[in-house]
Each structure stands twice: as C-alpha cells, then as structure tokens.
Amino acid sequence: YSVADLQLVIDLKHEHWHENDEQYQYMRPETLFGPKKFESYLQSATRWDQKGRPKRADWGAKKRDVMAFGPVDTTIPEGFRG
C-alpha cells in the first residue's frame, strides 16, 4: 500500500466519523490499518474518491439542511406566504 492509500482511508473515516464522538474514538491506527478492516476501508475510500470527494478546504463547511426554512419574506402579505 502507498502513503496515498493510507491518507485516503484516514480522510474517508474522518468524513464518516467527525460529527460522532462515539465513532471518532476509532480514528486510531489499530482500527484504520488493521488486517481485518483496512482492505474494505480502502475499497470504500477509492469509490468515494472516484465519485468526487470534497476538498479538504470544504470539510468544515456546513451542509445545507433541506428541512430548514429560510428567512420569511415580509414583503409578501402574511396570508399569501408559502
């Protein structure tokens, strides 16, 4: 395996686990690079990379909540707002 393979797995698992403290505790070498898990992690990471993984600079960007309402447009009369 190459250094790039190792970094790709780290990046993938960071994306999967960074918002979940319960899971993020597994961001350690024994979990990421163990013989039982590494190959499947690498396959997932490779597919993720091929689909167009986000740039590292965008990792902290908040994902759009499709269930959130935007600000109310008060120029439209109240009974006609959507």
PDB file of N, CA and C in Angstrom:
ATOM      1  N   TYR A   1       0.834  -1.194   0.000  1.00  0.00           N
ATOM      2  CA  TYR A   1       0.000   0.000   0.000  1.00  0.00           C
ATOM      3  C   TYR A   1       0.873   1.249   0.000  1.00  0.00           C
ATOM      4  N   SER A   2       0.356   2.311  -0.569  1.00  0.00           N
ATOM      5  CA  SER A   2       1.109   3.565  -0.638  1.00  0.00           C
ATOM      6  C   SER A   2       0.665   4.505   0.482  1.00  0.00           C
ATOM      7  N   VAL A   3       1.458   5.549   0.678  1.00  0.00           N
ATOM      8  CA  VAL A   3       1.097   6.582   1.647  1.00  0.00           C
ATOM      9  C   VAL A   3      -0.226   7.223   1.236  1.00  0.00           C
ATOM     10  N   ALA A   4      -0.428   7.401  -0.060  1.00  0.00           N
ATOM     11  CA  ALA A   4      -1.679   7.989  -0.556  1.00  0.00           C
ATOM     12  C   ALA A   4      -2.880   7.112  -0.193  1.00  0.00           C
ATOM     13  N   ASP A   5      -2.710   5.779  -0.238  1.00  0.00           N
ATOM     14  CA  ASP A   5      -3.791   4.870   0.168  1.00  0.00           C
ATOM     15  C   ASP A   5      -4.136   5.071   1.642  1.00  0.00           C
ATOM     16  N   LEU A   6      -3.116   5.168   2.469  1.00  0.00           N
ATOM     17  CA  LEU A   6      -3.329   5.357   3.908  1.00  0.00           C
ATOM     18  C   LEU A   6      -4.036   6.684   4.176  1.00  0.00           C
ATOM     19  N   GLN A   7      -3.594   7.734   3.496  1.00  0.00           N
ATOM     20  CA  GLN A   7      -4.214   9.051   3.678  1.00  0.00           C
ATOM     21  C   GLN A   7      -5.665   9.057   3.206  1.00  0.00           C
ATOM     22  N   LEU A   8      -5.939   8.346   2.139  1.00  0.00           N
ATOM     23  CA  LEU A   8      -7.297   8.281   1.608  1.00  0.00           C
ATOM     24  C   LEU A   8      -8.243   7.625   2.616  1.00  0.00           C
ATOM     25  N   VAL A   9      -7.787   6.554   3.253  1.00  0.00           N
ATOM     26  CA  VAL A   9      -8.604   5.886   4.271  1.00  0.00           C
ATOM     27  C   VAL A   9      -8.827   6.812   5.463  1.00  0.00           C
ATOM     28  N   ILE A  10      -7.785   7.503   5.889  1.00  0.00           N
ATOM     29  CA  ILE A  10      -7.919   8.448   7.007  1.00  0.00           C
ATOM     30  C   ILE A  10      -8.945   9.526   6.659  1.00  0.00           C
ATOM     31  N   ASP A  11      -8.841  10.075   5.461  1.00  0.00           N
ATOM     32  CA  ASP A  11      -9.775  11.124   5.037  1.00  0.00           C
ATOM     33  C   ASP A  11     -11.217  10.616   5.023  1.00  0.00           C
ATOM     34  N   LEU A  12     -11.424   9.427   4.481  1.00  0.00           N
ATOM     35  CA  LEU A  12     -12.774   8.864   4.415  1.00  0.00           C
ATOM     36  C   LEU A  12     -13.360   8.677   5.809  1.00  0.00           C
ATOM     37  N   LYS A  13     -12.604   8.061   6.692  1.00  0.00           N
ATOM     38  CA  LYS A  13     -13.142   7.784   8.020  1.00  0.00           C
ATOM     39  C   LYS A  13     -13.323   9.079   8.813  1.00  0.00           C
ATOM     40  N   HIS A  14     -12.488  10.069   8.564  1.00  0.00           N
ATOM     41  CA  HIS A  14     -12.712  11.373   9.205  1.00  0.00           C
ATOM     42  C   HIS A  14     -14.062  11.931   8.762  1.00  0.00           C
ATOM     43  N   GLU A  15     -14.333  11.880   7.463  1.00  0.00           N
ATOM     44  CA  GLU A  15     -15.614  12.376   6.949  1.00  0.00           C
ATOM     45  C   GLU A  15     -16.786  11.604   7.540  1.00  0.00           C
ATOM     46  N   HIS A  16     -16.633  10.301   7.691  1.00  0.00           N
ATOM     47  CA  HIS A  16     -17.719   9.486   8.243  1.00  0.00           C
ATOM     48  C   HIS A  16     -17.946   9.731   9.726  1.00  0.00           C
ATOM     49  N   TRP A  17     -16.875   9.925  10.477  1.00  0.00           N
ATOM     50  CA  TRP A  17     -16.952   9.891  11.934  1.00  0.00           C
ATOM     51  C   TRP A  17     -16.794  11.237  12.632  1.00  0.00           C
ATOM     52  N   HIS A  18     -16.420  12.310  11.950  1.00  0.00           N
ATOM     53  CA  HIS A  18     -16.031  13.540  12.651  1.00  0.00           C
ATOM     54  C   HIS A  18     -17.157  14.186  13.451  1.00  0.00           C
ATOM     55  N   GLU A  19     -18.403  13.931  13.124  1.00  0.00           N
ATOM     56  CA  GLU A  19     -19.507  14.528  13.880  1.00  0.00           C
ATOM     57  C   GLU A  19     -20.067  13.591  14.947  1.00  0.00           C
ATOM     58  N   ASN A  20     -19.430  12.456  15.138  1.00  0.00           N
ATOM     59  CA  ASN A  20     -19.930  11.454  16.069  1.00  0.00           C
ATOM     60  C   ASN A  20     -18.804  11.044  17.018  1.00  0.00           C
ATOM     61  N   ASP A  21     -18.827  11.573  18.234  1.00  0.00           N
ATOM     62  CA  ASP A  21     -17.766  11.277  19.198  1.00  0.00           C
ATOM     63  C   ASP A  21     -17.652   9.784  19.486  1.00  0.00           C
ATOM     64  N   GLU A  22     -18.767   9.097  19.477  1.00  0.00           N
ATOM     65  CA  GLU A  22     -18.772   7.653  19.734  1.00  0.00           C
ATOM     66  C   GLU A  22     -17.934   6.921  18.683  1.00  0.00           C
ATOM     67  N   GLN A  23     -18.103   7.294  17.429  1.00  0.00           N
ATOM     68  CA  GLN A  23     -17.356   6.661  16.346  1.00  0.00           C
ATOM     69  C   GLN A  23     -15.936   7.212  16.217  1.00  0.00           C
ATOM     70  N   TYR A  24     -15.763   8.506  16.462  1.00  0.00           N
ATOM     71  CA  TYR A  24     -14.463   9.140  16.220  1.00  0.00           C
ATOM     72  C   TYR A  24     -13.369   8.574  17.109  1.00  0.00           C
ATOM     73  N   GLN A  25     -13.755   7.952  18.211  1.00  0.00           N
ATOM     74  CA  GLN A  25     -12.749   7.338  19.076  1.00  0.00           C
ATOM     75  C   GLN A  25     -11.983   6.230  18.342  1.00  0.00           C
ATOM     76  N   TYR A  26     -12.541   5.743  17.242  1.00  0.00           N
ATOM     77  CA  TYR A  26     -11.892   4.683  16.476  1.00  0.00           C
ATOM     78  C   TYR A  26     -10.920   5.213  15.426  1.00  0.00           C
ATOM     79  N   MET A  27     -10.684   6.500  15.405  1.00  0.00           N
ATOM     80  CA  MET A  27      -9.687   7.080  14.493  1.00  0.00           C
ATOM     81  C   MET A  27      -8.302   6.820  15.075  1.00  0.00           C
ATOM     82  N   ARG A  28      -7.897   5.582  14.997  1.00  0.00           N
ATOM     83  CA  ARG A  28      -6.591   5.179  15.528  1.00  0.00           C
ATOM     84  C   ARG A  28      -6.012   4.109  14.604  1.00  0.00           C
ATOM     85  N   PRO A  29      -4.710   3.948  14.609  1.00  0.00           N
ATOM     86  CA  PRO A  29      -4.071   3.003  13.678  1.00  0.00           C
ATOM     87  C   PRO A  29      -4.609   1.573  13.766  1.00  0.00           C
ATOM     88  N   GLU A  30      -4.881   1.082  14.977  1.00  0.00           N
ATOM     89  CA  GLU A  30      -5.351  -0.307  15.109  1.00  0.00           C
ATOM     90  C   GLU A  30      -6.651  -0.533  14.346  1.00  0.00           C
ATOM     91  N   THR A  31      -7.506   0.469  14.352  1.00  0.00           N
ATOM     92  CA  THR A  31      -8.795   0.342  13.670  1.00  0.00           C
ATOM     93  C   THR A  31      -8.650   0.574  12.171  1.00  0.00           C
ATOM     94  N   LEU A  32      -7.992   1.641  11.797  1.00  0.00           N
ATOM     95  CA  LEU A  32      -7.914   2.019  10.385  1.00  0.00           C
ATOM     96  C   LEU A  32      -7.058   1.074   9.551  1.00  0.00           C
ATOM     97  N   PHE A  33      -5.957   0.609  10.122  1.00  0.00           N
ATOM     98  CA  PHE A  33      -4.984  -0.141   9.324  1.00  0.00           C
ATOM     99  C   PHE A  33      -4.867  -1.605   9.716  1.00  0.00           C
ATOM    100  N   GLY A  34      -5.759  -2.075  10.575  1.00  0.00           N
ATOM    101  CA  GLY A  34      -5.739  -3.488  10.965  1.00  0.00           C
ATOM    102  C   GLY A  34      -6.038  -4.383   9.771  1.00  0.00           C
ATOM    103  N   PRO A  35      -5.511  -5.604   9.787  1.00  0.00           N
ATOM    104  CA  PRO A  35      -5.686  -6.503   8.639  1.00  0.00           C
ATOM    105  C   PRO A  35      -7.140  -6.876   8.353  1.00  0.00           C
ATOM    106  N   LYS A  36      -8.002  -6.793   9.348  1.00  0.00           N
ATOM    107  CA  LYS A  36      -9.399  -7.180   9.138  1.00  0.00           C
ATOM    108  C   LYS A  36     -10.223  -6.080   8.479  1.00  0.00           C
ATOM    109  N   LYS A  37      -9.842  -4.828   8.631  1.00  0.00           N
ATOM    110  CA  LYS A  37     -10.676  -3.715   8.166  1.00  0.00           C
ATOM    111  C   LYS A  37     -10.081  -2.911   7.011  1.00  0.00           C
ATOM    112  N   PHE A  38      -8.759  -2.846   6.940  1.00  0.00           N
ATOM    113  CA  PHE A  38      -8.135  -1.896   6.021  1.00  0.00           C
ATOM    114  C   PHE A  38      -8.569  -2.082   4.574  1.00  0.00           C
ATOM    115  N   GLU A  39      -8.584  -3.300   4.092  1.00  0.00           N
ATOM    116  CA  GLU A  39      -8.908  -3.528   2.681  1.00  0.00           C
ATOM    117  C   GLU A  39     -10.315  -3.029   2.343  1.00  0.00           C
ATOM    118  N   SER A  40     -11.282  -3.286   3.210  1.00  0.00           N
ATOM    119  CA  SER A  40     -12.644  -2.810   2.920  1.00  0.00           C
ATOM    120  C   SER A  40     -12.719  -1.293   3.036  1.00  0.00           C
ATOM    121  N   TYR A  41     -11.996  -0.712   3.998  1.00  0.00           N
ATOM    122  CA  TYR A  41     -11.955   0.746   4.109  1.00  0.00           C
ATOM    123  C   TYR A  41     -11.345   1.354   2.850  1.00  0.00           C
ATOM    124  N   LEU A  42     -10.281   0.737   2.346  1.00  0.00           N
ATOM    125  CA  LEU A  42      -9.617   1.258   1.152  1.00  0.00           C
ATOM    126  C   LEU A  42     -10.536   1.167  -0.067  1.00  0.00           C
ATOM    127  N   GLN A  43     -11.270   0.087  -0.200  1.00  0.00           N
ATOM    128  CA  GLN A  43     -12.209  -0.036  -1.321  1.00  0.00           C
ATOM    129  C   GLN A  43     -13.284   1.048  -1.251  1.00  0.00           C
ATOM    130  N   SER A  44     -13.821   1.275  -0.063  1.00  0.00           N
ATOM    131  CA  SER A  44     -14.827   2.334   0.112  1.00  0.00           C
ATOM    132  C   SER A  44     -14.233   3.701  -0.186  1.00  0.00           C
ATOM    133  N   ALA A  45     -13.023   3.925   0.306  1.00  0.00           N
ATOM    134  CA  ALA A  45     -12.364   5.214   0.109  1.00  0.00           C
ATOM    135  C   ALA A  45     -12.069   5.460  -1.369  1.00  0.00           C
ATOM    136  N   THR A  46     -11.688   4.422  -2.078  1.00  0.00           N
ATOM    137  CA  THR A  46     -11.401   4.555  -3.505  1.00  0.00           C
ATOM    138  C   THR A  46     -12.668   4.923  -4.276  1.00  0.00           C
ATOM    139  N   ARG A  47     -13.780   4.273  -3.952  1.00  0.00           N
ATOM    140  CA  ARG A  47     -15.057   4.627  -4.608  1.00  0.00           C
ATOM    141  C   ARG A  47     -15.448   6.065  -4.281  1.00  0.00           C
ATOM    142  N   TRP A  48     -15.274   6.444  -3.014  1.00  0.00           N
ATOM    143  CA  TRP A  48     -15.583   7.811  -2.563  1.00  0.00           C
ATOM    144  C   TRP A  48     -14.746   8.820  -3.339  1.00  0.00           C
ATOM    145  N   ASP A  49     -13.475   8.518  -3.523  1.00  0.00           N
ATOM    146  CA  ASP A  49     -12.572   9.406  -4.249  1.00  0.00           C
ATOM    147  C   ASP A  49     -12.987   9.517  -5.717  1.00  0.00           C
ATOM    148  N   GLN A  50     -13.360   8.411  -6.320  1.00  0.00           N
ATOM    149  CA  GLN A  50     -13.762   8.407  -7.726  1.00  0.00           C
ATOM    150  C   GLN A  50     -15.072   9.165  -7.954  1.00  0.00           C
ATOM    151  N   LYS A  51     -15.935   9.180  -6.955  1.00  0.00           N
ATOM    152  CA  LYS A  51     -17.210   9.899  -7.070  1.00  0.00           C
ATOM    153  C   LYS A  51     -17.051  11.399  -6.871  1.00  0.00           C
ATOM    154  N   GLY A  52     -15.870  11.817  -6.412  1.00  0.00           N
ATOM    155  CA  GLY A  52     -15.621  13.244  -6.233  1.00  0.00           C
ATOM    156  C   GLY A  52     -15.724  13.691  -4.786  1.00  0.00           C
ATOM    157  N   ARG A  53     -14.822  13.201  -3.975  1.00  0.00           N
ATOM    158  CA  ARG A  53     -14.846  13.567  -2.554  1.00  0.00           C
ATOM    159  C   ARG A  53     -14.633  15.065  -2.381  1.00  0.00           C
ATOM    160  N   PRO A  54     -15.131  15.632  -1.288  1.00  0.00           N
ATOM    161  CA  PRO A  54     -14.960  17.075  -1.078  1.00  0.00           C
ATOM    162  C   PRO A  54     -13.494  17.430  -0.827  1.00  0.00           C
ATOM    163  N   LYS A  55     -13.123  18.627  -1.208  1.00  0.00           N
ATOM    164  CA  LYS A  55     -11.775  19.113  -0.933  1.00  0.00           C
ATOM    165  C   LYS A  55     -11.620  19.297   0.569  1.00  0.00           C
ATOM    166  N   ARG A  56     -10.419  19.135   1.056  1.00  0.00           N
ATOM    167  CA  ARG A  56     -10.182  19.314   2.495  1.00  0.00           C
ATOM    168  C   ARG A  56     -10.589  20.705   2.957  1.00  0.00           C
ATOM    169  N   ALA A  57     -10.424  21.684   2.112  1.00  0.00           N
ATOM    170  CA  ALA A  57     -10.790  23.057   2.483  1.00  0.00           C
ATOM    171  C   ALA A  57     -12.290  23.183   2.739  1.00  0.00           C
ATOM    172  N   ASP A  58     -13.075  22.284   2.154  1.00  0.00           N
ATOM    173  CA  ASP A  58     -14.532  22.333   2.307  1.00  0.00           C
ATOM    174  C   ASP A  58     -15.059  21.445   3.431  1.00  0.00           C
ATOM    175  N   TRP A  59     -14.193  20.736   4.116  1.00  0.00           N
ATOM    176  CA  TRP A  59     -14.641  19.798   5.137  1.00  0.00           C
ATOM    177  C   TRP A  59     -15.449  20.470   6.230  1.00  0.00           C
ATOM    178  N   GLY A  60     -15.074  21.653   6.632  1.00  0.00           N
ATOM    179  CA  GLY A  60     -15.771  22.321   7.721  1.00  0.00           C
ATOM    180  C   GLY A  60     -17.051  23.019   7.301  1.00  0.00           C
ATOM    181  N   ALA A  61     -17.303  23.067   6.008  1.00  0.00           N
ATOM    182  CA  ALA A  61     -18.499  23.762   5.520  1.00  0.00           C
ATOM    183  C   ALA A  61     -19.749  23.026   5.971  1.00  0.00           C
ATOM    184  N   LYS A  62     -20.686  23.783   6.448  1.00  0.00           N
ATOM    185  CA  LYS A  62     -21.938  23.179   6.915  1.00  0.00           C
ATOM    186  C   LYS A  62     -22.753  22.726   5.718  1.00  0.00           C
ATOM    187  N   LYS A  63     -23.245  21.512   5.808  1.00  0.00           N
ATOM    188  CA  LYS A  63     -24.106  21.002   4.750  1.00  0.00           C
ATOM    189  C   LYS A  63     -25.467  21.673   4.850  1.00  0.00           C
ATOM    190  N   ARG A  64     -26.088  21.913   3.724  1.00  0.00           N
ATOM    191  CA  ARG A  64     -27.389  22.577   3.679  1.00  0.00           C
ATOM    192  C   ARG A  64     -28.451  21.656   4.266  1.00  0.00           C
ATOM    193  N   ASP A  65     -29.213  22.181   5.190  1.00  0.00           N
ATOM    194  CA  ASP A  65     -30.316  21.442   5.797  1.00  0.00           C
ATOM    195  C   ASP A  65     -31.555  21.669   4.941  1.00  0.00           C
ATOM    196  N   VAL A  66     -31.958  20.651   4.202  1.00  0.00           N
ATOM    197  CA  VAL A  66     -33.094  20.808   3.295  1.00  0.00           C
ATOM    198  C   VAL A  66     -34.415  20.968   4.037  1.00  0.00           C
ATOM    199  N   MET A  67     -34.446  20.662   5.315  1.00  0.00           N
ATOM    200  CA  MET A  67     -35.666  20.799   6.106  1.00  0.00           C
ATOM    201  C   MET A  67     -35.772  22.169   6.777  1.00  0.00           C
ATOM    202  N   ALA A  68     -34.722  22.971   6.699  1.00  0.00           N
ATOM    203  CA  ALA A  68     -34.729  24.282   7.353  1.00  0.00           C
ATOM    204  C   ALA A  68     -35.449  25.304   6.474  1.00  0.00           C
ATOM    205  N   PHE A  69     -36.157  26.193   7.109  1.00  0.00           N
ATOM    206  CA  PHE A  69     -36.833  27.272   6.400  1.00  0.00           C
ATOM    207  C   PHE A  69     -35.914  28.481   6.334  1.00  0.00           C
ATOM    208  N   GLY A  70     -35.965  29.192   5.234  1.00  0.00           N
ATOM    209  CA  GLY A  70     -35.201  30.419   5.097  1.00  0.00           C
ATOM    210  C   GLY A  70     -35.906  31.547   5.822  1.00  0.00           C
ATOM    211  N   PRO A  71     -35.333  32.727   5.776  1.00  0.00           N
ATOM    212  CA  PRO A  71     -35.986  33.869   6.418  1.00  0.00           C
ATOM    213  C   PRO A  71     -37.324  34.175   5.733  1.00  0.00           C
ATOM    214  N   VAL A  72     -38.263  34.646   6.511  1.00  0.00           N
ATOM    215  CA  VAL A  72     -39.597  34.963   5.992  1.00  0.00           C
ATOM    216  C   VAL A  72     -39.534  36.244   5.178  1.00  0.00           C
ATOM    217  N   ASP A  73     -40.106  36.197   3.989  1.00  0.00           N
ATOM    218  CA  ASP A  73     -40.174  37.382   3.132  1.00  0.00           C
ATOM    219  C   ASP A  73     -41.396  38.194   3.553  1.00  0.00           C
ATOM    220  N   THR A  74     -41.161  39.222   4.336  1.00  0.00           N
ATOM    221  CA  THR A  74     -42.272  40.021   4.872  1.00  0.00           C
ATOM    222  C   THR A  74     -42.861  40.989   3.848  1.00  0.00           C
ATOM    223  N   THR A  75     -42.282  41.056   2.645  1.00  0.00           N
ATOM    224  CA  THR A  75     -42.864  41.909   1.607  1.00  0.00           C
ATOM    225  C   THR A  75     -44.110  41.258   1.011  1.00  0.00           C
ATOM    226  N   ILE A  76     -44.267  39.944   1.234  1.00  0.00           N
ATOM    227  CA  ILE A  76     -45.460  39.231   0.779  1.00  0.00           C
ATOM    228  C   ILE A  76     -46.461  39.237   1.931  1.00  0.00           C
ATOM    229  N   PRO A  77     -47.708  39.608   1.683  1.00  0.00           N
ATOM    230  CA  PRO A  77     -48.710  39.619   2.763  1.00  0.00           C
ATOM    231  C   PRO A  77     -48.797  38.250   3.444  1.00  0.00           C
ATOM    232  N   GLU A  78     -49.024  38.255   4.749  1.00  0.00           N
ATOM    233  CA  GLU A  78     -48.973  37.040   5.561  1.00  0.00           C
ATOM    234  C   GLU A  78     -49.834  35.899   5.018  1.00  0.00           C
ATOM    235  N   GLY A  79     -51.030  36.158   4.578  1.00  0.00           N
ATOM    236  CA  GLY A  79     -51.909  35.104   4.080  1.00  0.00           C
ATOM    237  C   GLY A  79     -51.463  34.482   2.769  1.00  0.00           C
ATOM    238  N   PHE A  80     -50.471  35.105   2.086  1.00  0.00           N
ATOM    239  CA  PHE A  80     -50.033  34.624   0.784  1.00  0.00           C
ATOM    240  C   PHE A  80     -48.640  33.995   0.818  1.00  0.00           C
ATOM    241  N   ARG A  81     -48.046  33.902   1.980  1.00  0.00           N
ATOM    242  CA  ARG A  81     -46.704  33.306   2.091  1.00  0.00           C
ATOM    243  C   ARG A  81     -46.800  31.793   1.970  1.00  0.00           C
ATOM    244  N   GLY A  82     -45.783  31.193   1.338  1.00  0.00           N
ATOM    245  CA  GLY A  82     -45.786  29.751   1.095  1.00  0.00           C
ATOM    246  C   GLY A  82     -45.388  28.895   2.190  1.00  0.00           C
TER     247      GLY A  82
END
